[in-house]
Protein backbone atom coordinates (compact mmCIF):
# COMPACT_ATOMS: atom_id res chain seq x y z
CA UNK A 1 135.77 77.72 87.54
CA UNK A 2 132.09 78.01 88.58
CA UNK A 3 131.32 77.78 92.26
CA UNK A 4 128.05 76.76 93.81
CA UNK A 5 126.16 79.44 95.70
CA UNK A 6 126.40 79.17 99.44
CA UNK A 7 123.38 77.78 101.23
CA UNK A 8 121.42 80.51 102.98
CA UNK A 9 121.33 80.44 106.75
CA UNK A 10 118.09 79.97 108.65
CA UNK A 11 116.47 83.19 109.78
CA UNK A 12 114.65 81.70 112.78
CA UNK A 13 115.74 79.06 115.25
CA UNK A 14 113.45 76.30 116.48
CA UNK A 15 113.10 78.16 119.78
CA UNK A 16 111.98 81.28 117.90
CA UNK A 17 108.95 79.42 116.52
CA UNK A 18 107.79 78.58 120.06
CA UNK A 19 108.15 82.22 121.09
CA UNK A 20 106.33 83.46 117.99
CA UNK A 21 103.55 80.95 118.57
CA UNK A 22 103.13 82.15 122.16
CA UNK A 23 103.04 85.79 121.06
CA UNK A 24 100.51 85.11 118.29
CA UNK A 25 98.29 83.14 120.70
CA UNK A 26 98.25 86.08 123.10
CA UNK A 27 97.44 88.49 120.27
CA UNK A 28 94.62 86.26 118.98
CA UNK A 29 93.00 86.38 122.43
CA UNK A 30 93.30 90.18 122.51
CA UNK A 31 91.70 90.69 119.08
CA UNK A 32 89.10 87.92 119.29
CA UNK A 33 86.33 90.20 118.00
CA UNK A 34 88.40 91.48 115.06
CA UNK A 35 87.77 89.83 111.67
CA UNK A 36 91.55 89.41 111.27
CA UNK A 37 91.67 87.06 114.25
CA UNK A 38 90.98 84.06 111.98
CA UNK A 39 94.09 84.87 109.93
CA UNK A 40 96.19 85.06 113.07
CA UNK A 41 94.65 81.85 114.33
CA UNK A 42 95.71 80.14 111.10
CA UNK A 43 99.21 81.55 111.54
CA UNK A 44 99.28 80.13 115.07
CA UNK A 45 98.48 76.65 113.77
CA UNK A 46 101.06 76.88 110.98
CA UNK A 47 103.72 77.88 113.50
CA UNK A 48 102.78 74.83 115.55
CA UNK A 49 103.64 72.57 112.63
CA UNK A 50 107.08 74.17 112.28
CA UNK A 51 108.35 74.12 115.81
């Protein structure tokens, strides 16, 4: 008798996204002159859409 696979549990909670967004925002300010800052800025905005 085949069984359906169990649904995976969420890795992050809604509150985690707010904390991650705050941490990324702080990091973006610290590395403002680094070329990678634009990638982290994009991550910040994507996190904002999630939580």
